[in-house]
Every structure is written in structure tokens, then in C-alpha cells.
């Protein structure tokens, strides 16, 4: 799915009371669509979870995305991925 569609669908799901989070590699599109919660990852298009065959990195990215669900305040929450 395209980044715009995912953001719009997430917004509709949120309106029905279900919290959502996503990972995006296209910050410009994501900022325009303003999905409820998105982790902005600086990876190539098609690789939102980073390098293939790197489960430690992929797990860290997913944990960071899920952590956005615990952030206080109203959506949208757009956070850039920062890993040690």
C-alpha cells in the first residue's frame, strides 16, 4: 500500500476507537497526510524495517513504533527513528 493510503486508513480506524501506529520512509508524504502515529525511518523505499536479515534492527524499529501508542497527547505523533 502507498504511504498516503496507509495514513488515511489509520486515521479512519482511529475514529472508530482503535489506536494505530505505522512506519514510514517518506517523511514528506507522511507530514502531509498526518496519520495518527508514525515512526519516520530513514531507509530506502520498500525497506521500512531496515536491512533484510537483521532481526535485531527490525525488532528495535517495531518496538519504537509500538512505543508511540503509549505517548500522551492527541494525534498526530510523528517521530523520527533514533537508534543507538
Protein backbone atom coordinates (compact mmCIF):
# COMPACT_ATOMS: atom_id res chain seq x y z
CA UNK A 1 0.00 0.00 0.00
CA UNK A 2 1.14 3.53 -0.59
CA UNK A 3 2.09 5.81 2.30
CA UNK A 4 -0.86 8.09 1.70
CA UNK A 5 -3.38 5.23 1.79
CA UNK A 6 -1.93 3.76 4.99
CA UNK A 7 -2.13 7.13 6.72
CA UNK A 8 -5.72 7.73 5.64
CA UNK A 9 -6.84 4.23 6.66
CA UNK A 10 -5.10 4.61 10.04
CA UNK A 11 -6.99 7.85 10.61
CA UNK A 12 -10.34 6.18 9.89
CA UNK A 13 -9.51 3.25 12.20
CA UNK A 14 -8.63 5.72 14.96
CA UNK A 15 -12.02 7.43 14.53
CA UNK A 16 -13.56 4.09 15.49
CA UNK A 17 -11.60 3.93 18.72
CA UNK A 18 -8.71 1.66 17.74
CA UNK A 19 -5.21 3.10 18.21
CA UNK A 20 -2.85 2.72 15.25
CA UNK A 21 0.83 3.16 14.56
CA UNK A 22 2.87 2.89 11.37
CA UNK A 23 6.39 3.13 9.98
CA UNK A 24 7.11 5.41 7.03
CA UNK A 25 10.15 6.07 4.86
CA UNK A 26 8.56 9.03 3.04
CA UNK A 27 8.55 11.83 5.58
CA UNK A 28 7.20 14.48 3.19
CA UNK A 29 4.11 12.44 2.28
CA UNK A 30 3.56 11.40 5.89
CA UNK A 31 3.68 15.00 7.11
CA UNK A 32 1.02 15.98 4.56
CA UNK A 33 -1.33 13.08 5.36
CA UNK A 34 -0.85 13.41 9.15
CA UNK A 35 -1.59 9.83 10.24
CA UNK A 36 -2.28 9.37 13.97
CA UNK A 37 1.10 7.90 14.95
CA UNK A 38 4.05 7.31 12.65
CA UNK A 39 7.68 6.45 13.09
CA UNK A 40 9.75 8.07 10.34
CA UNK A 41 12.58 5.72 9.33
CA UNK A 42 15.46 6.92 7.15
CA UNK A 43 15.66 3.83 4.95
CA UNK A 44 15.15 3.26 1.22
CA UNK A 45 11.64 2.93 -0.18
CA UNK A 46 10.46 -0.63 0.40
CA UNK A 47 12.60 -1.17 3.50
CA UNK A 48 10.70 0.45 6.40
CA UNK A 49 12.21 -2.06 8.83
CA UNK A 50 15.77 -1.57 7.64
CA UNK A 51 18.17 -4.09 6.22
CA UNK A 52 16.99 -7.59 5.32
CA UNK A 53 18.19 -10.39 7.59
CA UNK A 54 18.76 -8.08 10.56
CA UNK A 55 16.21 -9.23 13.14
CA UNK A 56 17.75 -7.16 15.94
CA UNK A 57 17.33 -3.94 13.94
CA UNK A 58 13.84 -4.90 12.77
CA UNK A 59 12.75 -5.69 16.32
CA UNK A 60 14.10 -2.35 17.55
CA UNK A 61 12.18 -0.48 14.84
CA UNK A 62 8.94 -2.32 15.66
CA UNK A 63 9.39 -1.64 19.37
CA UNK A 64 9.91 2.06 18.65
CA UNK A 65 6.75 2.12 16.51
CA UNK A 66 4.67 0.35 19.18
CA UNK A 67 6.05 2.72 21.84
CA UNK A 68 4.26 5.55 20.03
CA UNK A 69 0.99 4.01 21.24
CA UNK A 70 1.99 4.93 24.79
CA UNK A 71 2.76 8.58 24.01
CA UNK A 72 0.41 11.03 25.69
CA UNK A 73 -1.35 13.74 23.81
CA UNK A 74 -3.56 13.90 20.77
CA UNK A 75 -2.50 12.66 17.35
CA UNK A 76 -0.70 13.23 15.11
CA UNK A 77 2.53 11.96 16.59
CA UNK A 78 5.37 11.94 14.06
CA UNK A 79 8.69 10.81 15.46
CA UNK A 80 11.99 10.23 13.70
CA UNK A 81 13.65 6.89 14.36
CA UNK A 82 16.65 7.21 16.65
CA UNK A 83 18.54 4.04 17.44
CA UNK A 84 21.78 3.78 19.37
